[in-house]
PDB file of N, CA and C in Angstrom:
ATOM      1  N   MET A   1      37.977  19.027   7.278  1.00  0.00           N
ATOM      2  CA  MET A   1      38.452  17.758   6.606  1.00  0.00           C
ATOM      3  C   MET A   1      37.491  16.660   6.858  1.00  0.00           C
ATOM      4  N   ILE A   2      37.880  16.061   8.226  1.00  0.00           N
ATOM      5  CA  ILE A   2      36.877  14.648   7.936  1.00  0.00           C
ATOM      6  C   ILE A   2      35.352  15.014   8.057  1.00  0.00           C
ATOM      7  N   ARG A   3      34.988  16.438   8.627  1.00  0.00           N
ATOM      8  CA  ARG A   3      33.416  16.394   8.172  1.00  0.00           C
ATOM      9  C   ARG A   3      33.078  15.865   6.718  1.00  0.00           C
ATOM     10  N   SER A   4      34.088  16.878   5.674  1.00  0.00           N
ATOM     11  CA  SER A   4      33.908  16.777   4.546  1.00  0.00           C
ATOM     12  C   SER A   4      33.943  15.171   4.138  1.00  0.00           C
ATOM     13  N   SER A   5      34.521  14.720   4.596  1.00  0.00           N
ATOM     14  CA  SER A   5      34.867  13.010   4.225  1.00  0.00           C
ATOM     15  C   SER A   5      33.762  12.146   4.276  1.00  0.00           C
ATOM     16  N   LEU A   6      32.975  12.737   5.569  1.00  0.00           N
ATOM     17  CA  LEU A   6      31.933  12.142   6.296  1.00  0.00           C
ATOM     18  C   LEU A   6      31.162  11.702   5.564  1.00  0.00           C
ATOM     19  N   LEU A   7      30.670  13.190   5.206  1.00  0.00           N
ATOM     20  CA  LEU A   7      29.335  13.537   4.401  1.00  0.00           C
ATOM     21  C   LEU A   7      29.626  13.225   2.766  1.00  0.00           C
ATOM     22  N   ALA A   8      30.730  12.881   2.095  1.00  0.00           N
ATOM     23  CA  ALA A   8      31.073  12.241   1.106  1.00  0.00           C
ATOM     24  C   ALA A   8      30.579  10.992   1.068  1.00  0.00           C
ATOM     25  N   ALA A   9      31.090  10.241   1.925  1.00  0.00           N
ATOM     26  CA  ALA A   9      30.962   8.923   2.130  1.00  0.00           C
ATOM     27  C   ALA A   9      29.401   8.471   2.545  1.00  0.00           C
ATOM     28  N   SER A  10      28.869   9.566   3.108  1.00  0.00           N
ATOM     29  CA  SER A  10      27.679   9.073   3.495  1.00  0.00           C
ATOM     30  C   SER A  10      26.584   9.115   2.163  1.00  0.00           C
ATOM     31  N   PHE A  11      26.752  10.277   1.756  1.00  0.00           N
ATOM     32  CA  PHE A  11      26.275  10.521  -0.060  1.00  0.00           C
ATOM     33  C   PHE A  11      26.325   9.045  -1.028  1.00  0.00           C
ATOM     34  N   LEU A  12      27.406   8.837  -0.909  1.00  0.00           N
ATOM     35  CA  LEU A  12      27.679   7.724  -1.885  1.00  0.00           C
ATOM     36  C   LEU A  12      27.413   6.325  -1.132  1.00  0.00           C
ATOM     37  N   ALA A  13      27.129   6.091   0.129  1.00  0.00           N
ATOM     38  CA  ALA A  13      26.222   4.987   0.611  1.00  0.00           C
ATOM     39  C   ALA A  13      24.792   5.113   0.078  1.00  0.00           C
ATOM     40  N   ALA A  14      24.093   6.646  -0.030  1.00  0.00           N
ATOM     41  CA  ALA A  14      22.837   6.717  -0.056  1.00  0.00           C
ATOM     42  C   ALA A  14      22.381   6.520  -1.302  1.00  0.00           C
ATOM     43  N   ALA A  15      23.683   6.665  -2.019  1.00  0.00           N
ATOM     44  CA  ALA A  15      23.223   6.536  -3.774  1.00  0.00           C
ATOM     45  C   ALA A  15      23.375   4.969  -4.477  1.00  0.00           C
ATOM     46  N   ALA A  16      24.211   4.338  -3.290  1.00  0.00           N
ATOM     47  CA  ALA A  16      24.471   3.274  -3.747  1.00  0.00           C
ATOM     48  C   ALA A  16      23.440   1.981  -3.440  1.00  0.00           C
ATOM     49  N   ALA A  17      22.456   2.723  -2.166  1.00  0.00           N
ATOM     50  CA  ALA A  17      21.407   1.937  -1.488  1.00  0.00           C
ATOM     51  C   ALA A  17      20.519   1.377  -2.669  1.00  0.00           C
ATOM     52  N   PRO A  18      20.275  -0.102  -2.825  1.00  0.00           N
ATOM     53  CA  PRO A  18      19.380  -0.227  -3.968  1.00  0.00           C
ATOM     54  C   PRO A  18      17.734   0.432  -3.970  1.00  0.00           C
ATOM     55  N   ALA A  19      17.459   0.625  -5.011  1.00  0.00           N
ATOM     56  CA  ALA A  19      16.026   1.275  -5.057  1.00  0.00           C
ATOM     57  C   ALA A  19      14.831   0.078  -4.792  1.00  0.00           C
ATOM     58  N   LEU A  20      13.423   0.284  -4.452  1.00  0.00           N
ATOM     59  CA  LEU A  20      12.531  -0.520  -4.325  1.00  0.00           C
ATOM     60  C   LEU A  20      12.161  -1.064  -5.179  1.00  0.00           C
ATOM     61  N   ALA A  21      12.099  -2.415  -4.735  1.00  0.00           N
ATOM     62  CA  ALA A  21      11.718  -3.632  -6.190  1.00  0.00           C
ATOM     63  C   ALA A  21      10.282  -4.058  -6.211  1.00  0.00           C
ATOM     64  N   PHE A  22       9.848  -2.616  -6.448  1.00  0.00           N
ATOM     65  CA  PHE A  22       8.106  -2.249  -6.396  1.00  0.00           C
ATOM     66  C   PHE A  22       7.573  -1.915  -7.612  1.00  0.00           C
ATOM     67  N   ASP A  23       7.021  -2.219  -8.647  1.00  0.00           N
ATOM     68  CA  ASP A  23       6.464  -1.108  -9.683  1.00  0.00           C
ATOM     69  C   ASP A  23       5.020  -1.327  -9.065  1.00  0.00           C
ATOM     70  N   PRO A  24       4.821  -0.083  -9.290  1.00  0.00           N
ATOM     71  CA  PRO A  24       3.024   0.260  -9.004  1.00  0.00           C
ATOM     72  C   PRO A  24       2.007  -0.756  -9.545  1.00  0.00           C
ATOM     73  N   PRO A  25       1.141  -0.923  -9.520  1.00  0.00           N
ATOM     74  CA  PRO A  25       0.112  -1.667 -10.828  1.00  0.00           C
ATOM     75  C   PRO A  25      -0.277  -0.442 -11.563  1.00  0.00           C
ATOM     76  N   ALA A  26      -0.502  -0.761 -12.596  1.00  0.00           N
ATOM     77  CA  ALA A  26      -0.770   0.092 -14.236  1.00  0.00           C
ATOM     78  C   ALA A  26      -1.755   1.000 -14.065  1.00  0.00           C
ATOM     79  N   GLY A  27      -1.688   1.920 -13.955  1.00  0.00           N
ATOM     80  CA  GLY A  27      -2.456   3.351 -13.621  1.00  0.00           C
ATOM     81  C   GLY A  27      -2.868   4.058 -11.880  1.00  0.00           C
ATOM     82  N   ALA A  28      -1.945   3.545 -11.379  1.00  0.00           N
ATOM     83  CA  ALA A  28      -1.402   3.834 -10.054  1.00  0.00           C
ATOM     84  C   ALA A  28      -0.738   4.905  -9.854  1.00  0.00           C
ATOM     85  N   ASP A  29      -1.013   6.196  -8.977  1.00  0.00           N
ATOM     86  CA  ASP A  29      -0.272   6.995  -8.814  1.00  0.00           C
ATOM     87  C   ASP A  29       0.648   6.891  -7.897  1.00  0.00           C
ATOM     88  N   SER A  30       1.816   7.374  -7.705  1.00  0.00           N
ATOM     89  CA  SER A  30       2.824   7.126  -7.145  1.00  0.00           C
ATOM     90  C   SER A  30       2.939   7.998  -5.681  1.00  0.00           C
ATOM     91  N   ARG A  31       2.083   9.001  -5.604  1.00  0.00           N
ATOM     92  CA  ARG A  31       2.114   9.878  -4.469  1.00  0.00           C
ATOM     93  C   ARG A  31       0.918   9.137  -3.195  1.00  0.00           C
ATOM     94  N   GLU A  32       1.443   9.141  -1.781  1.00  0.00           N
ATOM     95  CA  GLU A  32       1.037   8.568  -0.910  1.00  0.00           C
ATOM     96  C   GLU A  32      -0.547   9.229  -0.353  1.00  0.00           C
ATOM     97  N   VAL A  33      -1.442   8.973  -0.140  1.00  0.00           N
ATOM     98  CA  VAL A  33      -2.825   9.734   0.180  1.00  0.00           C
ATOM     99  C   VAL A  33      -3.319   8.524   1.337  1.00  0.00           C
ATOM    100  N   ARG A  34      -4.494   9.006   1.354  1.00  0.00           N
ATOM    101  CA  ARG A  34      -5.387   8.601   2.657  1.00  0.00           C
ATOM    102  C   ARG A  34      -6.602   8.121   1.916  1.00  0.00           C
ATOM    103  N   ILE A  35      -7.045   6.880   2.512  1.00  0.00           N
ATOM    104  CA  ILE A  35      -8.845   6.486   1.719  1.00  0.00           C
ATOM    105  C   ILE A  35      -9.698   6.968   2.967  1.00  0.00           C
ATOM    106  N   PRO A  36     -10.619   8.088   2.649  1.00  0.00           N
ATOM    107  CA  PRO A  36     -11.041   8.693   3.540  1.00  0.00           C
ATOM    108  C   PRO A  36     -12.276   7.949   3.903  1.00  0.00           C
ATOM    109  N   ARG A  37     -13.093   7.757   5.396  1.00  0.00           N
ATOM    110  CA  ARG A  37     -14.015   7.314   5.841  1.00  0.00           C
ATOM    111  C   ARG A  37     -14.167   5.498   5.200  1.00  0.00           C
ATOM    112  N   MET A  38     -12.974   4.900   5.839  1.00  0.00           N
ATOM    113  CA  MET A  38     -12.587   3.509   5.512  1.00  0.00           C
ATOM    114  C   MET A  38     -13.971   2.872   5.944  1.00  0.00           C
ATOM    115  N   SER A  39     -14.586   3.038   6.836  1.00  0.00           N
ATOM    116  CA  SER A  39     -15.929   2.367   7.556  1.00  0.00           C
ATOM    117  C   SER A  39     -17.175   2.209   6.296  1.00  0.00           C
ATOM    118  N   GLN A  40     -16.859   3.239   5.547  1.00  0.00           N
ATOM    119  CA  GLN A  40     -18.401   3.347   4.472  1.00  0.00           C
ATOM    120  C   GLN A  40     -17.263   2.778   2.479  1.00  0.00           C
ATOM    121  N   PHE A  41     -16.379   2.011   2.929  1.00  0.00           N
ATOM    122  CA  PHE A  41     -15.828   1.592   1.665  1.00  0.00           C
ATOM    123  C   PHE A  41     -16.851   0.806   0.592  1.00  0.00           C
ATOM    124  N   LEU A  42     -17.000   1.038  -0.449  1.00  0.00           N
ATOM    125  CA  LEU A  42     -17.688   0.124  -1.728  1.00  0.00           C
ATOM    126  C   LEU A  42     -17.340  -1.394  -1.989  1.00  0.00           C
ATOM    127  N   GLU A  43     -16.008  -1.676  -2.187  1.00  0.00           N
ATOM    128  CA  GLU A  43     -15.587  -2.856  -2.745  1.00  0.00           C
ATOM    129  C   GLU A  43     -13.972  -3.070  -2.384  1.00  0.00           C
ATOM    130  N   TRP A  44     -13.244  -4.214  -2.665  1.00  0.00           N
ATOM    131  CA  TRP A  44     -12.093  -4.523  -2.712  1.00  0.00           C
ATOM    132  C   TRP A  44     -11.882  -5.300  -3.191  1.00  0.00           C
ATOM    133  N   VAL A  45     -10.973  -5.461  -4.165  1.00  0.00           N
ATOM    134  CA  VAL A  45     -10.333  -7.168  -5.128  1.00  0.00           C
ATOM    135  C   VAL A  45      -8.844  -6.942  -5.152  1.00  0.00           C
ATOM    136  N   PRO A  46      -8.401  -8.065  -4.538  1.00  0.00           N
ATOM    137  CA  PRO A  46      -7.270  -8.417  -4.160  1.00  0.00           C
ATOM    138  C   PRO A  46      -6.258  -8.689  -5.321  1.00  0.00           C
ATOM    139  N   ASP A  47      -4.868  -8.361  -5.773  1.00  0.00           N
ATOM    140  CA  ASP A  47      -4.273  -8.413  -6.821  1.00  0.00           C
ATOM    141  C   ASP A  47      -3.112  -9.316  -6.481  1.00  0.00           C
ATOM    142  N   GLY A  48      -3.597 -10.303  -5.543  1.00  0.00           N
ATOM    143  CA  GLY A  48      -3.054 -11.736  -5.720  1.00  0.00           C
ATOM    144  C   GLY A  48      -2.509 -11.535  -3.983  1.00  0.00           C
ATOM    145  N   GLU A  49      -0.911 -11.584  -3.538  1.00  0.00           N
ATOM    146  CA  GLU A  49      -0.733 -11.554  -2.271  1.00  0.00           C
ATOM    147  C   GLU A  49       0.170 -10.389  -1.949  1.00  0.00           C
ATOM    148  N   ASN A  50      -0.105  -9.436  -3.048  1.00  0.00           N
ATOM    149  CA  ASN A  50       0.784  -7.717  -2.490  1.00  0.00           C
ATOM    150  C   ASN A  50      -0.010  -6.989  -2.026  1.00  0.00           C
ATOM    151  N   GLY A  51      -1.419  -6.744  -2.421  1.00  0.00           N
ATOM    152  CA  GLY A  51      -2.001  -5.656  -1.844  1.00  0.00           C
ATOM    153  C   GLY A  51      -3.727  -5.976  -2.416  1.00  0.00           C
ATOM    154  N   LEU A  52      -4.245  -4.623  -2.379  1.00  0.00           N
ATOM    155  CA  LEU A  52      -5.604  -4.927  -2.796  1.00  0.00           C
ATOM    156  C   LEU A  52      -6.088  -3.468  -3.290  1.00  0.00           C
ATOM    157  N   PHE A  53      -7.142  -3.340  -4.542  1.00  0.00           N
ATOM    158  CA  PHE A  53      -7.632  -1.982  -4.947  1.00  0.00           C
ATOM    159  C   PHE A  53      -8.685  -1.819  -4.122  1.00  0.00           C
ATOM    160  N   ILE A  54      -8.907  -1.041  -3.878  1.00  0.00           N
ATOM    161  CA  ILE A  54     -10.042  -0.453  -2.814  1.00  0.00           C
ATOM    162  C   ILE A  54     -10.920   0.837  -3.485  1.00  0.00           C
ATOM    163  N   ARG A  55     -12.160   0.455  -3.767  1.00  0.00           N
ATOM    164  CA  ARG A  55     -12.934   1.627  -3.888  1.00  0.00           C
ATOM    165  C   ARG A  55     -13.926   2.225  -2.892  1.00  0.00           C
ATOM    166  N   ALA A  56     -13.484   3.535  -2.722  1.00  0.00           N
ATOM    167  CA  ALA A  56     -13.975   4.332  -1.576  1.00  0.00           C
ATOM    168  C   ALA A  56     -15.183   4.956  -1.756  1.00  0.00           C
ATOM    169  N   ASP A  57     -16.222   5.427  -0.857  1.00  0.00           N
ATOM    170  CA  ASP A  57     -17.484   5.744  -1.028  1.00  0.00           C
ATOM    171  C   ASP A  57     -17.628   6.644  -2.074  1.00  0.00           C
ATOM    172  N   THR A  58     -16.792   7.564  -2.707  1.00  0.00           N
ATOM    173  CA  THR A  58     -16.920   8.219  -3.372  1.00  0.00           C
ATOM    174  C   THR A  58     -16.634   8.492  -4.944  1.00  0.00           C
ATOM    175  N   GLY A  59     -16.363   6.653  -5.072  1.00  0.00           N
ATOM    176  CA  GLY A  59     -16.056   6.069  -6.586  1.00  0.00           C
ATOM    177  C   GLY A  59     -14.827   6.037  -6.734  1.00  0.00           C
ATOM    178  N   ARG A  60     -13.973   6.473  -6.205  1.00  0.00           N
ATOM    179  CA  ARG A  60     -12.476   6.839  -6.625  1.00  0.00           C
ATOM    180  C   ARG A  60     -11.718   5.292  -5.839  1.00  0.00           C
ATOM    181  N   TRP A  61     -10.805   4.884  -6.904  1.00  0.00           N
ATOM    182  CA  TRP A  61      -9.802   3.583  -6.503  1.00  0.00           C
ATOM    183  C   TRP A  61      -8.631   3.991  -5.933  1.00  0.00           C
ATOM    184  N   PHE A  62      -8.468   3.201  -5.151  1.00  0.00           N
ATOM    185  CA  PHE A  62      -7.128   3.348  -4.453  1.00  0.00           C
ATOM    186  C   PHE A  62      -6.252   1.970  -4.741  1.00  0.00           C
ATOM    187  N   TYR A  63      -4.846   1.839  -4.225  1.00  0.00           N
ATOM    188  CA  TYR A  63      -3.952   0.671  -4.079  1.00  0.00           C
ATOM    189  C   TYR A  63      -3.308   0.850  -2.793  1.00  0.00           C
ATOM    190  N   ALA A  64      -3.812  -0.211  -2.252  1.00  0.00           N
ATOM    191  CA  ALA A  64      -2.821  -0.191  -0.792  1.00  0.00           C
ATOM    192  C   ALA A  64      -2.201  -1.534  -1.112  1.00  0.00           C
ATOM    193  N   ARG A  65      -0.950  -1.442  -0.848  1.00  0.00           N
ATOM    194  CA  ARG A  65       0.275  -2.292  -1.156  1.00  0.00           C
ATOM    195  C   ARG A  65       0.528  -2.735   0.461  1.00  0.00           C
ATOM    196  N   THR A  66       0.880  -3.985   0.493  1.00  0.00           N
ATOM    197  CA  THR A  66       1.407  -4.599   1.866  1.00  0.00           C
ATOM    198  C   THR A  66       2.834  -5.120   2.133  1.00  0.00           C
ATOM    199  N   ARG A  67       3.436  -4.318   3.001  1.00  0.00           N
ATOM    200  CA  ARG A  67       5.066  -4.657   3.307  1.00  0.00           C
ATOM    201  C   ARG A  67       5.723  -5.862   3.022  1.00  0.00           C
ATOM    202  N   GLU A  68       4.628  -6.785   3.196  1.00  0.00           N
ATOM    203  CA  GLU A  68       5.330  -8.497   2.784  1.00  0.00           C
ATOM    204  C   GLU A  68       4.115  -9.121   2.123  1.00  0.00           C
ATOM    205  N   ALA A  69       4.409 -10.376   1.420  1.00  0.00           N
ATOM    206  CA  ALA A  69       3.379 -10.671   0.946  1.00  0.00           C
ATOM    207  C   ALA A  69       2.381 -11.303   2.045  1.00  0.00           C
ATOM    208  N   CYS A  70       1.476 -11.275   1.696  1.00  0.00           N
ATOM    209  CA  CYS A  70      -0.113 -11.681   2.377  1.00  0.00           C
ATOM    210  C   CYS A  70      -0.791 -12.587   1.690  1.00  0.00           C
ATOM    211  N   PRO A  71      -0.141 -13.744   1.872  1.00  0.00           N
ATOM    212  CA  PRO A  71      -1.057 -15.269   1.289  1.00  0.00           C
ATOM    213  C   PRO A  71      -2.574 -15.342   1.215  1.00  0.00           C
ATOM    214  N   ARG A  72      -3.525 -14.830   2.770  1.00  0.00           N
ATOM    215  CA  ARG A  72      -4.488 -15.056   2.627  1.00  0.00           C
ATOM    216  C   ARG A  72      -5.465 -13.468   2.001  1.00  0.00           C
ATOM    217  N   LEU A  73      -4.914 -12.761   1.233  1.00  0.00           N
ATOM    218  CA  LEU A  73      -5.761 -12.177   0.810  1.00  0.00           C
ATOM    219  C   LEU A  73      -6.239 -13.000  -0.806  1.00  0.00           C
ATOM    220  N   ASP A  74      -7.318 -12.484  -0.507  1.00  0.00           N
ATOM    221  CA  ASP A  74      -8.035 -13.762  -1.922  1.00  0.00           C
ATOM    222  C   ASP A  74      -9.608 -13.028  -2.309  1.00  0.00           C
ATOM    223  N   ASN A  75     -10.433 -13.199  -2.829  1.00  0.00           N
ATOM    224  CA  ASN A  75     -11.912 -12.669  -3.299  1.00  0.00           C
ATOM    225  C   ASN A  75     -12.617 -13.499  -2.521  1.00  0.00           C
ATOM    226  N   ASN A  76     -12.032 -14.260  -1.804  1.00  0.00           N
ATOM    227  CA  ASN A  76     -13.439 -14.836  -0.818  1.00  0.00           C
ATOM    228  C   ASN A  76     -12.850 -15.088   0.815  1.00  0.00           C
ATOM    229  N   VAL A  77     -12.359 -14.125   1.144  1.00  0.00           N
ATOM    230  CA  VAL A  77     -11.948 -14.120   2.464  1.00  0.00           C
ATOM    231  C   VAL A  77     -12.505 -12.628   3.584  1.00  0.00           C
ATOM    232  N   ALA A  78     -12.845 -13.088   4.629  1.00  0.00           N
ATOM    233  CA  ALA A  78     -13.245 -11.610   5.198  1.00  0.00           C
ATOM    234  C   ALA A  78     -12.257 -10.906   5.706  1.00  0.00           C
ATOM    235  N   LEU A  79     -12.353  -9.850   5.072  1.00  0.00           N
ATOM    236  CA  LEU A  79     -11.346  -8.346   5.561  1.00  0.00           C
ATOM    237  C   LEU A  79     -11.496  -7.833   6.580  1.00  0.00           C
ATOM    238  N   ARG A  80     -10.374  -7.185   7.282  1.00  0.00           N
ATOM    239  CA  ARG A  80     -10.845  -5.881   8.236  1.00  0.00           C
ATOM    240  C   ARG A  80      -9.842  -5.349   8.169  1.00  0.00           C
ATOM    241  N   PHE A  81     -10.047  -3.962   8.473  1.00  0.00           N
ATOM    242  CA  PHE A  81      -9.377  -2.488   7.855  1.00  0.00           C
ATOM    243  C   PHE A  81      -8.554  -2.079   9.155  1.00  0.00           C
ATOM    244  N   ASP A  82      -7.267  -2.104   9.578  1.00  0.00           N
ATOM    245  CA  ASP A  82      -6.830  -1.504  10.632  1.00  0.00           C
ATOM    246  C   ASP A  82      -6.624  -0.048  10.282  1.00  0.00           C
ATOM    247  N   THR A  83      -7.391   0.733  10.630  1.00  0.00           N
ATOM    248  CA  THR A  83      -6.930   2.223  10.446  1.00  0.00           C
ATOM    249  C   THR A  83      -5.883   2.952  11.640  1.00  0.00           C
ATOM    250  N   ARG A  84      -5.991   2.416  12.490  1.00  0.00           N
ATOM    251  CA  ARG A  84      -5.436   2.603  13.969  1.00  0.00           C
ATOM    252  C   ARG A  84      -5.882   3.652  14.386  1.00  0.00           C
ATOM    253  N   GLY A  85      -6.972   3.664  14.826  1.00  0.00           N
ATOM    254  CA  GLY A  85      -7.586   4.435  15.626  1.00  0.00           C
ATOM    255  C   GLY A  85      -8.820   5.579  14.679  1.00  0.00           C
ATOM    256  N   GLY A  86      -8.227   5.929  13.449  1.00  0.00           N
ATOM    257  CA  GLY A  86      -9.274   6.880  12.962  1.00  0.00           C
ATOM    258  C   GLY A  86      -9.956   6.314  12.029  1.00  0.00           C
ATOM    259  N   ARG A  87     -10.455   7.120  11.130  1.00  0.00           N
ATOM    260  CA  ARG A  87     -11.188   6.660   9.787  1.00  0.00           C
ATOM    261  C   ARG A  87     -10.798   6.299   8.396  1.00  0.00           C
ATOM    262  N   ASP A  88      -9.885   7.209   8.299  1.00  0.00           N
ATOM    263  CA  ASP A  88      -9.162   6.846   6.998  1.00  0.00           C
ATOM    264  C   ASP A  88      -7.857   5.774   7.406  1.00  0.00           C
ATOM    265  N   LEU A  89      -7.855   5.269   6.009  1.00  0.00           N
ATOM    266  CA  LEU A  89      -6.616   4.305   5.981  1.00  0.00           C
ATOM    267  C   LEU A  89      -5.525   5.004   5.218  1.00  0.00           C
ATOM    268  N   ASP A  90      -4.188   4.547   5.876  1.00  0.00           N
ATOM    269  CA  ASP A  90      -3.106   5.133   5.324  1.00  0.00           C
ATOM    270  C   ASP A  90      -2.132   4.048   5.154  1.00  0.00           C
ATOM    271  N   ARG A  91      -0.504   4.329   4.669  1.00  0.00           N
ATOM    272  CA  ARG A  91       0.323   3.194   4.709  1.00  0.00           C
ATOM    273  C   ARG A  91       0.692   2.772   6.314  1.00  0.00           C
ATOM    274  N   PHE A  92       0.057   3.580   7.234  1.00  0.00           N
ATOM    275  CA  PHE A  92       0.509   3.338   8.704  1.00  0.00           C
ATOM    276  C   PHE A  92      -0.625   2.061   9.252  1.00  0.00           C
ATOM    277  N   GLY A  93      -1.254   1.993   8.455  1.00  0.00           N
ATOM    278  CA  GLY A  93      -2.795   0.959   8.598  1.00  0.00           C
ATOM    279  C   GLY A  93      -2.245  -0.437   8.521  1.00  0.00           C
ATOM    280  N   ALA A  94      -3.495  -1.154   8.286  1.00  0.00           N
ATOM    281  CA  ALA A  94      -2.879  -2.697   8.079  1.00  0.00           C
ATOM    282  C   ALA A  94      -3.805  -3.322   7.364  1.00  0.00           C
ATOM    283  N   ILE A  95      -4.143  -4.964   7.075  1.00  0.00           N
ATOM    284  CA  ILE A  95      -5.425  -5.160   7.030  1.00  0.00           C
ATOM    285  C   ILE A  95      -5.305  -6.536   7.439  1.00  0.00           C
ATOM    286  N   ARG A  96      -6.048  -6.987   7.856  1.00  0.00           N
ATOM    287  CA  ARG A  96      -6.888  -8.093   8.711  1.00  0.00           C
ATOM    288  C   ARG A  96      -7.088  -9.121   7.837  1.00  0.00           C
ATOM    289  N   ALA A  97      -6.736 -10.367   7.473  1.00  0.00           N
ATOM    290  CA  ALA A  97      -7.256 -11.750   6.536  1.00  0.00           C
ATOM    291  C   ALA A  97      -6.906 -12.728   7.280  1.00  0.00           C
ATOM    292  N   GLU A  98      -7.961 -13.150   7.422  1.00  0.00           N
ATOM    293  CA  GLU A  98      -8.388 -14.300   8.606  1.00  0.00           C
ATOM    294  C   GLU A  98      -7.739 -14.876   9.278  1.00  0.00           C
ATOM    295  N   GLY A  99      -7.205 -13.798  10.261  1.00  0.00           N
ATOM    296  CA  GLY A  99      -6.382 -13.612  11.413  1.00  0.00           C
ATOM    297  C   GLY A  99      -5.054 -13.200  11.165  1.00  0.00           C
ATOM    298  N   TRP A 100      -5.126 -13.178   9.960  1.00  0.00           N
ATOM    299  CA  TRP A 100      -3.331 -12.524   9.696  1.00  0.00           C
ATOM    300  C   TRP A 100      -2.693 -10.959   9.264  1.00  0.00           C
ATOM    301  N   ARG A 101      -2.463 -10.523  10.224  1.00  0.00           N
ATOM    302  CA  ARG A 101      -2.175  -9.030   9.734  1.00  0.00           C
ATOM    303  C   ARG A 101      -1.002  -8.936   8.859  1.00  0.00           C
ATOM    304  N   CYS A 102      -1.238  -7.994   7.951  1.00  0.00           N
ATOM    305  CA  CYS A 102      -0.523  -7.817   7.012  1.00  0.00           C
ATOM    306  C   CYS A 102      -0.644  -5.726   6.687  1.00  0.00           C
ATOM    307  N   ASP A 103       0.541  -5.544   7.455  1.00  0.00           N
ATOM    308  CA  ASP A 103       0.927  -3.952   7.538  1.00  0.00           C
ATOM    309  C   ASP A 103       1.090  -3.418   6.249  1.00  0.00           C
ATOM    310  N   LEU A 104       0.482  -2.305   6.125  1.00  0.00           N
ATOM    311  CA  LEU A 104       0.372  -1.601   4.487  1.00  0.00           C
ATOM    312  C   LEU A 104       2.033  -0.723   4.153  1.00  0.00           C
ATOM    313  N   ALA A 105       2.327  -1.016   3.459  1.00  0.00           N
ATOM    314  CA  ALA A 105       3.714  -0.272   2.675  1.00  0.00           C
ATOM    315  C   ALA A 105       3.305   0.926   2.311  1.00  0.00           C
ATOM    316  N   SER A 106       2.161   1.075   1.503  1.00  0.00           N
ATOM    317  CA  SER A 106       1.687   2.598   1.091  1.00  0.00           C
ATOM    318  C   SER A 106       0.229   1.834   0.440  1.00  0.00           C
ATOM    319  N   VAL A 107      -0.310   3.613   0.100  1.00  0.00           N
ATOM    320  CA  VAL A 107      -1.516   3.740  -0.247  1.00  0.00           C
ATOM    321  C   VAL A 107      -1.805   4.729  -1.162  1.00  0.00           C
ATOM    322  N   THR A 108      -2.048   4.500  -2.585  1.00  0.00           N
ATOM    323  CA  THR A 108      -1.653   5.263  -3.609  1.00  0.00           C
ATOM    324  C   THR A 108      -3.038   5.509  -4.565  1.00  0.00           C
ATOM    325  N   GLU A 109      -3.652   6.624  -5.269  1.00  0.00           N
ATOM    326  CA  GLU A 109      -4.664   6.692  -6.094  1.00  0.00           C
ATOM    327  C   GLU A 109      -4.617   5.438  -7.200  1.00  0.00           C
ATOM    328  N   SER A 110      -5.383   5.056  -7.602  1.00  0.00           N
ATOM    329  CA  SER A 110      -5.194   3.872  -8.914  1.00  0.00           C
ATOM    330  C   SER A 110      -6.449   4.111 -10.003  1.00  0.00           C
ATOM    331  N   ALA A 111      -6.319   3.978 -10.983  1.00  0.00           N
ATOM    332  CA  ALA A 111      -7.285   3.080 -12.225  1.00  0.00           C
ATOM    333  C   ALA A 111      -8.281   2.080 -11.877  1.00  0.00           C
ATOM    334  N   GLY A 112      -7.763   1.694 -10.907  1.00  0.00           N
ATOM    335  CA  GLY A 112      -8.944   0.366 -10.409  1.00  0.00           C
ATOM    336  C   GLY A 112      -8.157  -0.857 -10.825  1.00  0.00           C
ATOM    337  N   PRO A 113      -8.621  -1.737 -10.252  1.00  0.00           N
ATOM    338  CA  PRO A 113      -8.058  -3.433 -10.729  1.00  0.00           C
ATOM    339  C   PRO A 113      -8.124  -3.333 -12.089  1.00  0.00           C
ATOM    340  N   PRO A 114      -6.987  -4.345 -12.826  1.00  0.00           N
ATOM    341  CA  PRO A 114      -7.041  -4.327 -13.955  1.00  0.00           C
ATOM    342  C   PRO A 114      -8.173  -5.339 -14.433  1.00  0.00           C
ATOM    343  N   PRO A 115      -8.694  -5.358 -15.712  1.00  0.00           N
ATOM    344  CA  PRO A 115      -9.692  -6.405 -16.349  1.00  0.00           C
ATOM    345  C   PRO A 115      -9.718  -7.802 -15.760  1.00  0.00           C
ATOM    346  N   ARG A 116     -10.291  -8.281 -15.647  1.00  0.00           N
ATOM    347  CA  ARG A 116     -10.698  -9.524 -15.547  1.00  0.00           C
ATOM    348  C   ARG A 116     -10.621 -10.568 -16.961  1.00  0.00           C
ATOM    349  N   ARG A 117      -9.767 -11.659 -16.852  1.00  0.00           N
ATOM    350  CA  ARG A 117      -9.625 -12.354 -18.273  1.00  0.00           C
ATOM    351  C   ARG A 117     -10.685 -13.360 -18.278  1.00  0.00           C
TER     352      ARG A 117
END
């Protein structure tokens, strides 16, 4: 009886938890992926303070979203990618923008950055 009550209470608590308040950019896939061979990526385009579109050496686009706002993400900033000792970038990595470490929340496939106006 107590076990079933605890199970029901934990289920209700999980159901009541708020959903993530993030909508992926248009054209982004929601499945987590790795960007292979980050040392050979082709280009990156920031979307403001929340993440980057990254074009890999294969020509495919990815979107790397940061856990929190990263105010130094800008077109004219020097970036470094922290792949945690490997060659691939995934959600466990980080972006270093002018000395600021911006941990990643997700890395997903993308159609690329939106057209510039």
